[in-house]
Amino acid sequence: MDISNIKANQVNTTTGIKIGSENAPVKVIEFINLACPYCKMWYEDSKDLLAEYVSAGKVQRIIKHFDKESSGLKKGNVLHQYLDYTDPEKALEEIDFFFEHQNEWGRLANFDDIATYAQEKRNLAVQSNETRAQEIKKEANEAVVVLVPTVFIGEEIFDENITQQELKDLIEARI
């Protein structure tokens, strides 16, 4: 991933689904889309390690669901509407489910079918996320984030191709 144009100083810790303590010394900011297979890879590979640090109060995750206009990612945009930003633990459960079942809902033919899937499989309702979605899109544009996943820890920028040890080292260096 070419990070030469990305402006880490334009990324904030205020918008997104916040998992963990506001007082955590390390903020992990994740621009992801639920339809992206590389986001799924990042999420699943880092989930347990990040959960340990969050549980210990050392990391706060800030997950930013980035609505993308590419045809392969628009299905994720539909599901983003169903995530409750006011209930981060519940939102994380839903993110887990949607990534785990990405192959299932990803094969659905149209956006209405995906909405029905969220409603029937997870008993979810559309949330009032439009303002947040626009804020995240604006932030991504200002920071020149164009690919998902794009992950920030301070000025460090990376994608799904980070090893568990490299991720651990980045976090430990900031604690």
N, C-alpha and C. Protein backbone atom coordinates (compact mmCIF):
# COMPACT_ATOMS: atom_id res chain seq x y z
N MET A 1 0.85 -1.17 0.00
CA MET A 1 0.00 0.00 0.00
C MET A 1 0.90 1.24 0.00
N ASP A 2 0.62 2.13 -0.90
CA ASP A 2 1.35 3.39 -0.97
C ASP A 2 0.74 4.36 0.04
N ILE A 3 1.51 4.72 1.05
CA ILE A 3 1.00 5.62 2.09
C ILE A 3 1.56 7.03 1.96
N SER A 4 2.29 7.28 0.88
CA SER A 4 3.00 8.54 0.75
C SER A 4 2.09 9.76 0.73
N ASN A 5 0.86 9.62 0.28
CA ASN A 5 -0.05 10.76 0.22
C ASN A 5 -0.98 10.87 1.43
N ILE A 6 -1.01 9.83 2.25
CA ILE A 6 -1.94 9.82 3.39
C ILE A 6 -1.46 10.79 4.46
N LYS A 7 -2.39 11.55 5.00
CA LYS A 7 -2.11 12.55 6.02
C LYS A 7 -2.65 12.08 7.37
N ALA A 8 -1.82 11.42 8.13
CA ALA A 8 -2.24 10.87 9.42
C ALA A 8 -2.74 11.96 10.36
N ASN A 9 -2.23 13.16 10.22
CA ASN A 9 -2.64 14.25 11.12
C ASN A 9 -4.07 14.73 10.83
N GLN A 10 -4.69 14.24 9.77
CA GLN A 10 -6.07 14.60 9.44
C GLN A 10 -7.08 13.57 9.96
N VAL A 11 -6.57 12.52 10.59
CA VAL A 11 -7.42 11.47 11.14
C VAL A 11 -7.72 11.80 12.59
N ASN A 12 -8.99 11.62 12.98
CA ASN A 12 -9.37 11.97 14.35
C ASN A 12 -9.77 10.75 15.17
N THR A 13 -9.86 10.96 16.46
CA THR A 13 -10.27 9.89 17.38
C THR A 13 -11.69 10.13 17.89
N THR A 14 -12.41 11.03 17.27
CA THR A 14 -13.75 11.35 17.76
C THR A 14 -14.86 10.63 17.01
N THR A 15 -14.70 10.38 15.73
CA THR A 15 -15.75 9.77 14.93
C THR A 15 -15.47 8.30 14.73
N GLY A 16 -16.45 7.47 15.01
CA GLY A 16 -16.32 6.03 14.80
C GLY A 16 -16.91 5.27 15.96
N ILE A 17 -16.91 3.96 15.82
CA ILE A 17 -17.36 3.09 16.90
C ILE A 17 -16.17 2.89 17.82
N LYS A 18 -16.32 3.34 19.06
CA LYS A 18 -15.20 3.31 20.01
C LYS A 18 -15.32 2.10 20.93
N ILE A 19 -14.27 1.29 20.88
CA ILE A 19 -14.20 0.08 21.69
C ILE A 19 -13.06 0.27 22.68
N GLY A 20 -13.39 0.31 23.97
CA GLY A 20 -12.37 0.48 24.98
C GLY A 20 -12.39 1.85 25.61
N SER A 21 -11.50 2.03 26.53
CA SER A 21 -11.44 3.25 27.35
C SER A 21 -10.93 4.46 26.58
N GLU A 22 -11.60 5.57 26.80
CA GLU A 22 -11.13 6.85 26.23
C GLU A 22 -9.73 7.19 26.76
N ASN A 23 -9.41 6.68 27.95
CA ASN A 23 -8.12 6.98 28.58
C ASN A 23 -7.00 6.04 28.16
N ALA A 24 -7.30 5.10 27.27
CA ALA A 24 -6.26 4.18 26.81
C ALA A 24 -5.14 4.97 26.14
N PRO A 25 -3.89 4.62 26.42
CA PRO A 25 -2.77 5.37 25.85
C PRO A 25 -2.58 5.20 24.35
N VAL A 26 -3.11 4.12 23.78
CA VAL A 26 -2.94 3.84 22.36
C VAL A 26 -4.30 3.82 21.68
N LYS A 27 -4.39 4.55 20.58
CA LYS A 27 -5.61 4.56 19.77
C LYS A 27 -5.30 3.86 18.45
N VAL A 28 -6.10 2.87 18.13
CA VAL A 28 -5.99 2.16 16.86
C VAL A 28 -7.19 2.58 16.03
N ILE A 29 -6.95 3.30 14.95
CA ILE A 29 -8.01 3.84 14.11
C ILE A 29 -8.07 3.02 12.84
N GLU A 30 -9.25 2.45 12.56
CA GLU A 30 -9.41 1.50 11.46
C GLU A 30 -10.48 1.98 10.48
N PHE A 31 -10.08 2.26 9.26
CA PHE A 31 -11.02 2.53 8.18
C PHE A 31 -11.28 1.20 7.49
N ILE A 32 -12.52 0.70 7.61
CA ILE A 32 -12.85 -0.60 7.04
C ILE A 32 -14.20 -0.54 6.34
N ASN A 33 -14.46 -1.57 5.54
CA ASN A 33 -15.76 -1.75 4.90
C ASN A 33 -16.11 -3.22 5.08
N LEU A 34 -17.33 -3.50 5.50
CA LEU A 34 -17.73 -4.86 5.82
C LEU A 34 -17.72 -5.81 4.62
N ALA A 35 -17.75 -5.29 3.40
CA ALA A 35 -17.73 -6.15 2.21
C ALA A 35 -16.31 -6.46 1.73
N CYS A 36 -15.32 -5.82 2.30
CA CYS A 36 -13.95 -5.96 1.83
C CYS A 36 -13.29 -7.22 2.40
N PRO A 37 -12.83 -8.13 1.54
CA PRO A 37 -12.17 -9.34 2.05
C PRO A 37 -10.84 -9.03 2.77
N TYR A 38 -10.18 -7.96 2.39
CA TYR A 38 -8.93 -7.59 3.06
C TYR A 38 -9.21 -7.00 4.44
N CYS A 39 -10.34 -6.29 4.57
CA CYS A 39 -10.75 -5.79 5.88
C CYS A 39 -11.08 -6.97 6.80
N LYS A 40 -11.74 -7.97 6.23
CA LYS A 40 -12.05 -9.18 6.99
C LYS A 40 -10.75 -9.82 7.49
N MET A 41 -9.77 -9.91 6.60
CA MET A 41 -8.48 -10.50 6.97
C MET A 41 -7.85 -9.71 8.11
N TRP A 42 -7.79 -8.37 7.99
CA TRP A 42 -7.24 -7.52 9.04
C TRP A 42 -8.00 -7.75 10.34
N TYR A 43 -9.31 -7.68 10.27
CA TYR A 43 -10.16 -7.77 11.45
C TYR A 43 -9.95 -9.10 12.17
N GLU A 44 -10.01 -10.18 11.42
CA GLU A 44 -9.88 -11.50 12.04
C GLU A 44 -8.46 -11.76 12.56
N ASP A 45 -7.46 -11.29 11.84
CA ASP A 45 -6.08 -11.51 12.28
C ASP A 45 -5.73 -10.70 13.52
N SER A 46 -6.31 -9.53 13.67
CA SER A 46 -5.95 -8.64 14.78
C SER A 46 -6.92 -8.69 15.95
N LYS A 47 -8.06 -9.31 15.75
CA LYS A 47 -9.16 -9.27 16.73
C LYS A 47 -8.74 -9.70 18.13
N ASP A 48 -8.12 -10.85 18.27
CA ASP A 48 -7.79 -11.36 19.60
C ASP A 48 -6.72 -10.50 20.28
N LEU A 49 -5.70 -10.13 19.52
CA LEU A 49 -4.63 -9.30 20.10
C LEU A 49 -5.18 -7.96 20.56
N LEU A 50 -5.98 -7.32 19.71
CA LEU A 50 -6.55 -6.03 20.09
C LEU A 50 -7.51 -6.16 21.26
N ALA A 51 -8.25 -7.26 21.31
CA ALA A 51 -9.18 -7.48 22.43
C ALA A 51 -8.42 -7.57 23.76
N GLU A 52 -7.25 -8.20 23.76
CA GLU A 52 -6.43 -8.28 24.97
C GLU A 52 -6.02 -6.89 25.44
N TYR A 53 -5.55 -6.08 24.51
CA TYR A 53 -5.10 -4.73 24.86
C TYR A 53 -6.27 -3.84 25.28
N VAL A 54 -7.40 -3.99 24.62
CA VAL A 54 -8.59 -3.22 25.00
C VAL A 54 -9.02 -3.61 26.40
N SER A 55 -9.06 -4.90 26.67
CA SER A 55 -9.46 -5.41 27.99
C SER A 55 -8.54 -4.91 29.09
N ALA A 56 -7.26 -4.76 28.77
CA ALA A 56 -6.28 -4.28 29.75
C ALA A 56 -6.29 -2.75 29.88
N GLY A 57 -7.11 -2.08 29.08
CA GLY A 57 -7.19 -0.62 29.14
C GLY A 57 -6.03 0.08 28.45
N LYS A 58 -5.30 -0.64 27.61
CA LYS A 58 -4.12 -0.07 26.96
C LYS A 58 -4.41 0.43 25.54
N VAL A 59 -5.49 -0.06 24.94
CA VAL A 59 -5.85 0.32 23.57
C VAL A 59 -7.32 0.67 23.50
N GLN A 60 -7.60 1.70 22.72
CA GLN A 60 -8.96 1.98 22.31
C GLN A 60 -9.00 1.82 20.80
N ARG A 61 -9.95 1.01 20.33
CA ARG A 61 -10.17 0.86 18.89
C ARG A 61 -11.20 1.88 18.46
N ILE A 62 -10.96 2.51 17.34
CA ILE A 62 -11.92 3.43 16.75
C ILE A 62 -12.16 2.94 15.33
N ILE A 63 -13.30 2.28 15.16
CA ILE A 63 -13.63 1.64 13.90
C ILE A 63 -14.50 2.59 13.08
N LYS A 64 -14.02 2.90 11.90
CA LYS A 64 -14.69 3.83 11.00
C LYS A 64 -15.15 3.07 9.76
N HIS A 65 -16.45 2.85 9.67
CA HIS A 65 -16.99 2.15 8.51
C HIS A 65 -17.06 3.13 7.34
N PHE A 66 -16.20 2.87 6.38
CA PHE A 66 -15.99 3.76 5.25
C PHE A 66 -16.86 3.30 4.09
N ASP A 67 -17.89 4.09 3.79
CA ASP A 67 -18.76 3.80 2.64
C ASP A 67 -17.99 4.10 1.36
N LYS A 68 -17.83 3.07 0.57
CA LYS A 68 -17.08 3.18 -0.69
C LYS A 68 -18.05 3.02 -1.86
N GLU A 69 -17.72 3.65 -2.97
CA GLU A 69 -18.59 3.61 -4.14
C GLU A 69 -18.22 2.53 -5.13
N SER A 70 -17.15 1.80 -4.89
CA SER A 70 -16.80 0.72 -5.81
C SER A 70 -17.85 -0.39 -5.71
N SER A 71 -18.15 -0.99 -6.82
CA SER A 71 -19.26 -1.96 -6.88
C SER A 71 -19.07 -3.10 -5.88
N GLY A 72 -17.86 -3.54 -5.66
CA GLY A 72 -17.63 -4.64 -4.74
C GLY A 72 -17.83 -4.29 -3.27
N LEU A 73 -17.83 -3.02 -2.95
CA LEU A 73 -17.93 -2.61 -1.54
C LEU A 73 -19.28 -1.99 -1.18
N LYS A 74 -20.11 -1.71 -2.16
CA LYS A 74 -21.40 -1.08 -1.87
C LYS A 74 -22.29 -1.93 -0.96
N LYS A 75 -22.14 -3.25 -1.04
CA LYS A 75 -22.93 -4.12 -0.17
C LYS A 75 -22.58 -3.86 1.30
N GLY A 76 -21.31 -3.59 1.57
CA GLY A 76 -20.91 -3.25 2.93
C GLY A 76 -21.55 -1.96 3.40
N ASN A 77 -21.69 -1.00 2.48
CA ASN A 77 -22.33 0.27 2.83
C ASN A 77 -23.73 0.04 3.38
N VAL A 78 -24.44 -0.93 2.81
CA VAL A 78 -25.80 -1.23 3.28
C VAL A 78 -25.74 -1.68 4.74
N LEU A 79 -24.85 -2.59 5.05
CA LEU A 79 -24.77 -3.11 6.42
C LEU A 79 -24.29 -2.06 7.41
N HIS A 80 -23.46 -1.13 6.98
CA HIS A 80 -22.99 -0.07 7.87
C HIS A 80 -24.16 0.69 8.48
N GLN A 81 -25.25 0.79 7.74
CA GLN A 81 -26.43 1.52 8.22
C GLN A 81 -27.09 0.87 9.43
N TYR A 82 -26.79 -0.40 9.66
CA TYR A 82 -27.43 -1.15 10.72
C TYR A 82 -26.62 -1.22 12.01
N LEU A 83 -25.42 -0.64 12.01
CA LEU A 83 -24.56 -0.69 13.18
C LEU A 83 -24.90 0.45 14.12
N ASP A 84 -25.06 0.11 15.39
CA ASP A 84 -25.45 1.10 16.40
C ASP A 84 -24.19 1.68 17.05
N TYR A 85 -23.86 2.89 16.66
CA TYR A 85 -22.67 3.56 17.18
C TYR A 85 -22.81 3.89 18.67
N THR A 86 -24.03 3.92 19.19
CA THR A 86 -24.23 4.24 20.60
C THR A 86 -24.04 3.02 21.50
N ASP A 87 -23.93 1.84 20.92
CA ASP A 87 -23.73 0.61 21.68
C ASP A 87 -22.53 -0.14 21.08
N PRO A 88 -21.32 0.30 21.43
CA PRO A 88 -20.12 -0.25 20.80
C PRO A 88 -19.96 -1.77 20.94
N GLU A 89 -20.30 -2.33 22.09
CA GLU A 89 -20.14 -3.77 22.26
C GLU A 89 -21.07 -4.54 21.34
N LYS A 90 -22.31 -4.07 21.22
CA LYS A 90 -23.27 -4.70 20.31
C LYS A 90 -22.81 -4.52 18.86
N ALA A 91 -22.33 -3.34 18.53
CA ALA A 91 -21.82 -3.09 17.17
C ALA A 91 -20.67 -4.04 16.87
N LEU A 92 -19.79 -4.26 17.83
CA LEU A 92 -18.66 -5.17 17.62
C LEU A 92 -19.15 -6.60 17.39
N GLU A 93 -20.18 -7.02 18.12
CA GLU A 93 -20.78 -8.34 17.89
C GLU A 93 -21.30 -8.45 16.45
N GLU A 94 -21.94 -7.39 15.98
CA GLU A 94 -22.48 -7.40 14.62
C GLU A 94 -21.35 -7.40 13.58
N ILE A 95 -20.31 -6.65 13.84
CA ILE A 95 -19.15 -6.65 12.93
C ILE A 95 -18.57 -8.06 12.86
N ASP A 96 -18.41 -8.70 14.02
CA ASP A 96 -17.94 -10.09 14.06
C ASP A 96 -18.80 -10.98 13.17
N PHE A 97 -20.11 -10.89 13.38
CA PHE A 97 -21.04 -11.73 12.62
C PHE A 97 -20.93 -11.45 11.13
N PHE A 98 -20.97 -10.18 10.75
CA PHE A 98 -20.97 -9.85 9.32
C PHE A 98 -19.66 -10.25 8.64
N PHE A 99 -18.54 -10.12 9.32
CA PHE A 99 -17.29 -10.60 8.71
C PHE A 99 -17.29 -12.13 8.65
N GLU A 100 -17.75 -12.78 9.71
CA GLU A 100 -17.78 -14.23 9.73
C GLU A 100 -18.65 -14.80 8.61
N HIS A 101 -19.72 -14.09 8.28
CA HIS A 101 -20.68 -14.56 7.27
C HIS A 101 -20.59 -13.75 5.96
N GLN A 102 -19.45 -13.14 5.72
CA GLN A 102 -19.29 -12.30 4.53
C GLN A 102 -19.59 -13.07 3.24
N ASN A 103 -19.18 -14.32 3.17
CA ASN A 103 -19.44 -15.11 1.96
C ASN A 103 -20.93 -15.35 1.75
N GLU A 104 -21.67 -15.45 2.84
CA GLU A 104 -23.11 -15.72 2.75
C GLU A 104 -23.87 -14.48 2.24
N TRP A 105 -23.76 -13.36 2.96
CA TRP A 105 -24.52 -12.17 2.55
C TRP A 105 -23.91 -11.50 1.33
N GLY A 106 -22.62 -11.73 1.12
CA GLY A 106 -21.95 -11.13 -0.03
C GLY A 106 -22.43 -11.69 -1.37
N ARG A 107 -23.04 -12.86 -1.34
CA ARG A 107 -23.56 -13.47 -2.56
C ARG A 107 -24.98 -13.00 -2.90
N LEU A 108 -25.60 -12.27 -1.99
CA LEU A 108 -26.96 -11.81 -2.24
C LEU A 108 -26.98 -10.87 -3.43
N ALA A 109 -28.05 -10.95 -4.20
CA ALA A 109 -28.10 -10.29 -5.50
C ALA A 109 -28.24 -8.78 -5.43
N ASN A 110 -28.97 -8.27 -4.46
CA ASN A 110 -29.20 -6.82 -4.46
C ASN A 110 -29.19 -6.26 -3.06
N PHE A 111 -29.20 -4.94 -2.98
CA PHE A 111 -29.10 -4.24 -1.71
C PHE A 111 -30.30 -4.49 -0.81
N ASP A 112 -31.49 -4.64 -1.40
CA ASP A 112 -32.68 -4.93 -0.59
C ASP A 112 -32.54 -6.28 0.11
N ASP A 113 -31.95 -7.25 -0.59
CA ASP A 113 -31.73 -8.57 0.02
C ASP A 113 -30.75 -8.47 1.19
N ILE A 114 -29.76 -7.62 1.06
CA ILE A 114 -28.78 -7.44 2.15
C ILE A 114 -29.45 -6.77 3.34
N ALA A 115 -30.28 -5.78 3.09
CA ALA A 115 -31.03 -5.13 4.17
C ALA A 115 -31.93 -6.14 4.88
N THR A 116 -32.62 -6.95 4.11
CA THR A 116 -33.49 -7.98 4.69
C THR A 116 -32.67 -8.96 5.51
N TYR A 117 -31.50 -9.31 5.02
CA TYR A 117 -30.59 -10.21 5.75
C TYR A 117 -30.28 -9.64 7.13
N ALA A 118 -29.90 -8.37 7.18
CA ALA A 118 -29.58 -7.72 8.47
C ALA A 118 -30.79 -7.72 9.39
N GLN A 119 -31.95 -7.48 8.83
CA GLN A 119 -33.17 -7.41 9.63
C GLN A 119 -33.59 -8.78 10.13
N GLU A 120 -33.53 -9.77 9.26
CA GLU A 120 -34.03 -11.10 9.63
C GLU A 120 -33.01 -11.94 10.38
N LYS A 121 -31.76 -11.92 9.94
CA LYS A 121 -30.73 -12.75 10.59
C LYS A 121 -30.27 -12.17 11.92
N ARG A 122 -30.26 -10.84 12.02
CA ARG A 122 -29.71 -10.20 13.22
C ARG A 122 -30.72 -9.35 13.98
N ASN A 123 -31.93 -9.28 13.46
CA ASN A 123 -32.98 -8.49 14.10
C ASN A 123 -32.55 -7.03 14.28
N LEU A 124 -31.93 -6.49 13.25
CA LEU A 124 -31.41 -5.13 13.29
C LEU A 124 -32.34 -4.17 12.55
N ALA A 125 -32.26 -2.92 12.94
CA ALA A 125 -33.00 -1.86 12.26
C ALA A 125 -32.00 -0.82 11.78
N VAL A 126 -32.38 -0.09 10.76
CA VAL A 126 -31.53 0.98 10.26
C VAL A 126 -31.33 2.00 11.38
N GLN A 127 -30.09 2.42 11.55
CA GLN A 127 -29.73 3.41 12.56
C GLN A 127 -29.58 4.78 11.90
N SER A 128 -29.54 5.80 12.69
CA SER A 128 -29.36 7.15 12.15
C SER A 128 -27.86 7.45 12.03
N ASN A 129 -27.21 6.76 11.10
CA ASN A 129 -25.76 6.85 10.93
C ASN A 129 -25.34 7.76 9.78
N GLU A 130 -26.26 8.36 9.09
CA GLU A 130 -25.91 9.11 7.88
C GLU A 130 -24.92 10.23 8.17
N THR A 131 -25.13 10.97 9.26
CA THR A 131 -24.21 12.06 9.59
C THR A 131 -22.82 11.51 9.87
N ARG A 132 -22.74 10.43 10.63
CA ARG A 132 -21.44 9.81 10.92
C ARG A 132 -20.78 9.30 9.64
N ALA A 133 -21.57 8.68 8.78
CA ALA A 133 -21.02 8.17 7.53
C ALA A 133 -20.43 9.30 6.69
N GLN A 134 -21.10 10.43 6.65
CA GLN A 134 -20.59 11.59 5.90
C GLN A 134 -19.34 12.16 6.56
N GLU A 135 -19.32 12.19 7.90
CA GLU A 135 -18.13 12.68 8.61
C GLU A 135 -16.92 11.79 8.33
N ILE A 136 -17.15 10.48 8.33
CA ILE A 136 -16.06 9.53 8.07
C ILE A 136 -15.57 9.68 6.64
N LYS A 137 -16.48 9.83 5.70
CA LYS A 137 -16.10 10.01 4.30
C LYS A 137 -15.31 11.30 4.12
N LYS A 138 -15.76 12.37 4.76
CA LYS A 138 -15.05 13.66 4.69
C LYS A 138 -13.65 13.54 5.30
N GLU A 139 -13.57 12.91 6.45
CA GLU A 139 -12.28 12.70 7.12
C GLU A 139 -11.34 11.88 6.23
N ALA A 140 -11.85 10.82 5.64
CA ALA A 140 -11.04 9.98 4.76
C ALA A 140 -10.53 10.79 3.57
N ASN A 141 -11.39 11.60 3.00
CA ASN A 141 -10.98 12.43 1.86
C ASN A 141 -9.90 13.43 2.26
N GLU A 142 -10.06 14.06 3.42
CA GLU A 142 -9.06 15.04 3.88
C GLU A 142 -7.73 14.36 4.21
N ALA A 143 -7.80 13.13 4.71
CA ALA A 143 -6.58 12.39 5.06
C ALA A 143 -6.01 11.62 3.87
N VAL A 144 -6.71 11.65 2.76
CA VAL A 144 -6.35 10.94 1.53
C VAL A 144 -6.29 9.42 1.78
N VAL A 145 -7.26 8.93 2.54
CA VAL A 145 -7.44 7.49 2.72
C VAL A 145 -8.33 7.03 1.58
N VAL A 146 -7.80 6.17 0.73
CA VAL A 146 -8.58 5.71 -0.41
C VAL A 146 -8.82 4.20 -0.39
N LEU A 147 -7.99 3.47 0.32
CA LEU A 147 -8.13 2.02 0.37
C LEU A 147 -8.58 1.55 1.74
N VAL A 148 -9.27 0.42 1.74
CA VAL A 148 -9.61 -0.24 3.00
C VAL A 148 -9.01 -1.63 2.97
N PRO A 149 -8.51 -2.09 4.11
CA PRO A 149 -8.39 -1.34 5.35
C PRO A 149 -7.19 -0.39 5.32
N THR A 150 -7.36 0.71 5.99
CA THR A 150 -6.24 1.59 6.31
C THR A 150 -6.31 1.80 7.81
N VAL A 151 -5.20 1.49 8.48
CA VAL A 151 -5.16 1.49 9.94
C VAL A 151 -4.06 2.43 10.40
N PHE A 152 -4.36 3.15 11.47
CA PHE A 152 -3.44 4.13 12.04
C PHE A 152 -3.18 3.81 13.49
N ILE A 153 -1.93 3.89 13.87
CA ILE A 153 -1.53 3.96 15.28
C ILE A 153 -0.55 5.12 15.32
N GLY A 154 -1.02 6.24 15.82
CA GLY A 154 -0.22 7.46 15.76
C GLY A 154 0.05 7.81 14.32
N GLU A 155 1.31 8.02 13.99
CA GLU A 155 1.70 8.35 12.62
C GLU A 155 1.95 7.10 11.76
N GLU A 156 1.90 5.93 12.38
CA GLU A 156 2.10 4.68 11.64
C GLU A 156 0.83 4.34 10.86
N ILE A 157 0.99 3.99 9.60
CA ILE A 157 -0.12 3.68 8.72
C ILE A 157 0.17 2.32 8.08
N PHE A 158 -0.83 1.44 8.10
CA PHE A 158 -0.64 0.12 7.52
C PHE A 158 -1.97 -0.47 7.07
N ASP A 159 -1.89 -1.64 6.43
CA ASP A 159 -3.08 -2.34 5.98
C ASP A 159 -3.10 -3.72 6.60
N GLU A 160 -3.77 -4.66 5.96
CA GLU A 160 -3.92 -6.01 6.52
C GLU A 160 -2.63 -6.80 6.53
N ASN A 161 -1.61 -6.32 5.86
CA ASN A 161 -0.36 -7.07 5.73
C ASN A 161 0.62 -6.81 6.87
N ILE A 162 0.11 -6.68 8.06
CA ILE A 162 0.95 -6.51 9.23
C ILE A 162 0.92 -7.81 10.03
N THR A 163 2.06 -8.23 10.52
CA THR A 163 2.09 -9.46 11.33
C THR A 163 1.62 -9.14 12.75
N GLN A 164 1.25 -10.16 13.46
CA GLN A 164 0.84 -9.99 14.85
C GLN A 164 1.98 -9.39 15.68
N GLN A 165 3.19 -9.84 15.41
CA GLN A 165 4.34 -9.32 16.15
C GLN A 165 4.57 -7.84 15.84
N GLU A 166 4.47 -7.47 14.57
CA GLU A 166 4.64 -6.06 14.20
C GLU A 166 3.57 -5.20 14.87
N LEU A 167 2.33 -5.68 14.88
CA LEU A 167 1.25 -4.94 15.52
C LEU A 167 1.50 -4.82 17.02
N LYS A 168 1.90 -5.90 17.62
CA LYS A 168 2.21 -5.89 19.06
C LYS A 168 3.35 -4.91 19.35
N ASP A 169 4.37 -4.92 18.53
CA ASP A 169 5.52 -4.02 18.73
C ASP A 169 5.10 -2.56 18.61
N LEU A 170 4.24 -2.25 17.64
CA LEU A 170 3.75 -0.86 17.50
C LEU A 170 2.98 -0.39 18.74
N ILE A 171 2.15 -1.30 19.24
CA ILE A 171 1.37 -0.96 20.44
C ILE A 171 2.27 -0.82 21.65
N GLU A 172 3.14 -1.78 21.87
CA GLU A 172 4.02 -1.78 23.04
C GLU A 172 4.93 -0.55 23.05
N ALA A 173 5.35 -0.10 21.89
CA ALA A 173 6.23 1.07 21.81
C ALA A 173 5.52 2.35 22.29
N ARG A 174 4.20 2.33 22.33
CA ARG A 174 3.42 3.53 22.69
C ARG A 174 2.80 3.46 24.08
N ILE A 175 2.96 2.35 24.74
CA ILE A 175 2.36 2.20 26.09
C ILE A 175 3.28 2.81 27.14
